[in-house]
Amino acid sequence: MEKEKLSAREAALVAQAHREAEARKGPAPAAVTSHAAAPAAPQPAKPKASPAERLARLMAEERAETERWKKKMRRYGIIVPAAIIGIFALWALRAPSRRR
C-alpha cells in the first residue's frame, strides 16, 4: 500500500498536534537545569485522607448544601404562596366591580 500524501492543511494540523504534544511533555531536561538557579525546597506531600475522613467531609458538604436548599425553599415557600393569594385577592376585589 502506498502512503497517501497529506494536503497542506492536513500537514499543518499534524505539525500543530506535534507541537502541542511536545508542549505538554514540558521543557527538555537541559533547559530545566539551565533555568534553575537554586533548587527548590521539596514540599512535604499531603497525606491522603482516610476513608472515614473523606466520608465525613462528604457528609458535611451534603449537610451544608441541604441547609442552603432548605433555606431557599423556606424563603420561596412563603413568598410564592403569598403572591398567589395576593393576586387572587386583587382579582376577587375587582371582579364584582366589573359586573356593575
C-alpha atoms as a PDB file:
ATOM      1  CA  MET A   1       0.000   0.000   0.000  1.00  0.00           C
ATOM      2  CA  GLU A   2       1.249   3.422  -0.871  1.00  0.00           C
ATOM      3  CA  LYS A   3       1.209   6.180   1.693  1.00  0.00           C
ATOM      4  CA  GLU A   4      -1.239   8.901   0.802  1.00  0.00           C
ATOM      5  CA  LYS A   5       0.137  12.394   0.510  1.00  0.00           C
ATOM      6  CA  LEU A   6      -1.204  14.877   3.032  1.00  0.00           C
ATOM      7  CA  SER A   7      -2.705  18.130   1.897  1.00  0.00           C
ATOM      8  CA  ALA A   8      -1.153  21.363   3.132  1.00  0.00           C
ATOM      9  CA  ARG A   9      -3.954  21.827   5.661  1.00  0.00           C
ATOM     10  CA  GLU A  10      -3.623  18.274   6.990  1.00  0.00           C
ATOM     11  CA  ALA A  11       0.147  18.644   7.268  1.00  0.00           C
ATOM     12  CA  ALA A  12      -0.307  21.889   9.214  1.00  0.00           C
ATOM     13  CA  LEU A  13      -2.760  20.187  11.587  1.00  0.00           C
ATOM     14  CA  VAL A  14      -0.367  17.283  12.149  1.00  0.00           C
ATOM     15  CA  ALA A  15       2.507  19.696  12.818  1.00  0.00           C
ATOM     16  CA  GLN A  16       0.357  21.658  15.269  1.00  0.00           C
ATOM     17  CA  ALA A  17      -0.608  18.427  17.055  1.00  0.00           C
ATOM     18  CA  HIS A  18       3.072  17.505  17.365  1.00  0.00           C
ATOM     19  CA  ARG A  19       3.906  20.959  18.802  1.00  0.00           C
ATOM     20  CA  GLU A  20       1.082  20.684  21.339  1.00  0.00           C
ATOM     21  CA  ALA A  21       2.232  17.202  22.355  1.00  0.00           C
ATOM     22  CA  GLU A  22       5.775  18.477  22.872  1.00  0.00           C
ATOM     23  CA  ALA A  23       4.484  21.430  24.896  1.00  0.00           C
ATOM     24  CA  ARG A  24       2.533  19.089  27.189  1.00  0.00           C
ATOM     25  CA  LYS A  25       5.639  16.983  27.848  1.00  0.00           C
ATOM     26  CA  GLY A  26       7.371  20.000  29.331  1.00  0.00           C
ATOM     27  CA  PRO A  27      10.743  21.552  28.707  1.00  0.00           C
ATOM     28  CA  ALA A  28      13.772  19.458  27.850  1.00  0.00           C
ATOM     29  CA  PRO A  29      15.984  18.394  30.802  1.00  0.00           C
ATOM     30  CA  ALA A  30      18.833  20.660  29.631  1.00  0.00           C
ATOM     31  CA  ALA A  31      16.516  23.666  29.636  1.00  0.00           C
ATOM     32  CA  VAL A  32      15.325  22.842  33.136  1.00  0.00           C
ATOM     33  CA  THR A  33      18.841  22.723  34.575  1.00  0.00           C
ATOM     34  CA  SER A  34      19.940  25.945  32.887  1.00  0.00           C
ATOM     35  CA  HIS A  35      16.963  27.931  34.213  1.00  0.00           C
ATOM     36  CA  ALA A  36      17.104  26.634  37.755  1.00  0.00           C
ATOM     37  CA  ALA A  37      19.357  28.935  39.756  1.00  0.00           C
ATOM     38  CA  ALA A  38      18.715  27.302  43.110  1.00  0.00           C
ATOM     39  CA  PRO A  39      16.957  24.011  43.714  1.00  0.00           C
ATOM     40  CA  ALA A  40      13.519  24.488  45.216  1.00  0.00           C
ATOM     41  CA  ALA A  41      12.896  23.017  48.643  1.00  0.00           C
ATOM     42  CA  PRO A  42      10.806  19.871  48.336  1.00  0.00           C
ATOM     43  CA  GLN A  43       7.319  20.418  49.668  1.00  0.00           C
ATOM     44  CA  PRO A  44       6.015  17.755  52.010  1.00  0.00           C
ATOM     45  CA  ALA A  45       3.462  15.526  50.375  1.00  0.00           C
ATOM     46  CA  LYS A  46      -0.045  15.949  51.722  1.00  0.00           C
ATOM     47  CA  PRO A  47      -1.136  12.671  53.278  1.00  0.00           C
ATOM     48  CA  LYS A  48      -4.205  11.107  51.721  1.00  0.00           C
ATOM     49  CA  ALA A  49      -7.337  11.306  53.796  1.00  0.00           C
ATOM     50  CA  SER A  50      -8.600   8.088  55.257  1.00  0.00           C
ATOM     51  CA  PRO A  51     -11.936   6.759  54.021  1.00  0.00           C
ATOM     52  CA  ALA A  52     -13.579   7.868  57.266  1.00  0.00           C
ATOM     53  CA  GLU A  53     -12.258  11.425  56.847  1.00  0.00           C
ATOM     54  CA  ARG A  54     -13.394  11.561  53.218  1.00  0.00           C
ATOM     55  CA  LEU A  55     -16.830  10.291  54.203  1.00  0.00           C
ATOM     56  CA  ALA A  56     -17.054  12.866  56.990  1.00  0.00           C
ATOM     57  CA  ARG A  57     -16.070  15.650  54.572  1.00  0.00           C
ATOM     58  CA  LEU A  58     -18.644  14.493  52.010  1.00  0.00           C
ATOM     59  CA  MET A  59     -21.344  14.317  54.671  1.00  0.00           C
ATOM     60  CA  ALA A  60     -20.503  17.825  55.874  1.00  0.00           C
ATOM     61  CA  GLU A  61     -20.662  19.166  52.311  1.00  0.00           C
ATOM     62  CA  GLU A  62     -24.021  17.477  51.732  1.00  0.00           C
ATOM     63  CA  ARG A  63     -25.340  18.815  55.030  1.00  0.00           C
ATOM     64  CA  ALA A  64     -24.300  22.353  54.082  1.00  0.00           C
ATOM     65  CA  GLU A  65     -25.893  22.009  50.642  1.00  0.00           C
ATOM     66  CA  THR A  66     -29.100  20.667  52.200  1.00  0.00           C
ATOM     67  CA  GLU A  67     -29.206  23.623  54.612  1.00  0.00           C
ATOM     68  CA  ARG A  68     -28.815  26.083  51.721  1.00  0.00           C
ATOM     69  CA  TRP A  69     -31.580  24.301  49.807  1.00  0.00           C
ATOM     70  CA  LYS A  70     -33.922  24.288  52.831  1.00  0.00           C
ATOM     71  CA  LYS A  71     -33.323  27.992  53.443  1.00  0.00           C
ATOM     72  CA  LYS A  72     -34.099  28.745  49.801  1.00  0.00           C
ATOM     73  CA  MET A  73     -37.246  26.601  49.894  1.00  0.00           C
ATOM     74  CA  ARG A  74     -38.444  28.276  53.112  1.00  0.00           C
ATOM     75  CA  ARG A  75     -37.973  31.695  51.541  1.00  0.00           C
ATOM     76  CA  TYR A  76     -39.803  30.795  48.335  1.00  0.00           C
ATOM     77  CA  GLY A  77     -42.322  28.666  50.231  1.00  0.00           C
ATOM     78  CA  ILE A  78     -43.547  31.850  51.907  1.00  0.00           C
ATOM     79  CA  ILE A  79     -43.180  34.361  49.069  1.00  0.00           C
ATOM     80  CA  VAL A  80     -44.763  32.390  46.215  1.00  0.00           C
ATOM     81  CA  PRO A  81     -47.987  31.352  48.006  1.00  0.00           C
ATOM     82  CA  ALA A  82     -48.338  34.870  49.432  1.00  0.00           C
ATOM     83  CA  ALA A  83     -48.038  36.314  45.919  1.00  0.00           C
ATOM     84  CA  ILE A  84     -50.628  33.879  44.585  1.00  0.00           C
ATOM     85  CA  ILE A  85     -53.055  34.713  47.407  1.00  0.00           C
ATOM     86  CA  GLY A  86     -52.441  38.436  46.835  1.00  0.00           C
ATOM     87  CA  ILE A  87     -53.186  38.145  43.125  1.00  0.00           C
ATOM     88  CA  PHE A  88     -56.341  36.146  43.874  1.00  0.00           C
ATOM     89  CA  ALA A  89     -57.444  38.728  46.447  1.00  0.00           C
ATOM     90  CA  LEU A  90     -56.968  41.573  43.963  1.00  0.00           C
ATOM     91  CA  TRP A  91     -58.892  39.644  41.339  1.00  0.00           C
ATOM     92  CA  ALA A  92     -61.695  38.865  43.827  1.00  0.00           C
ATOM     93  CA  LEU A  93     -61.984  42.537  44.814  1.00  0.00           C
ATOM     94  CA  ARG A  94     -62.012  43.701  41.209  1.00  0.00           C
ATOM     95  CA  ALA A  95     -64.361  41.038  39.768  1.00  0.00           C
ATOM     96  CA  PRO A  96     -67.656  42.335  41.330  1.00  0.00           C
ATOM     97  CA  SER A  97     -66.961  45.891  40.167  1.00  0.00           C
ATOM     98  CA  ARG A  98     -66.909  44.757  36.527  1.00  0.00           C
ATOM     99  CA  ARG A  99     -70.476  43.443  36.706  1.00  0.00           C
ATOM    100  CA  ARG A 100     -71.980  46.809  37.613  1.00  0.00           C
END
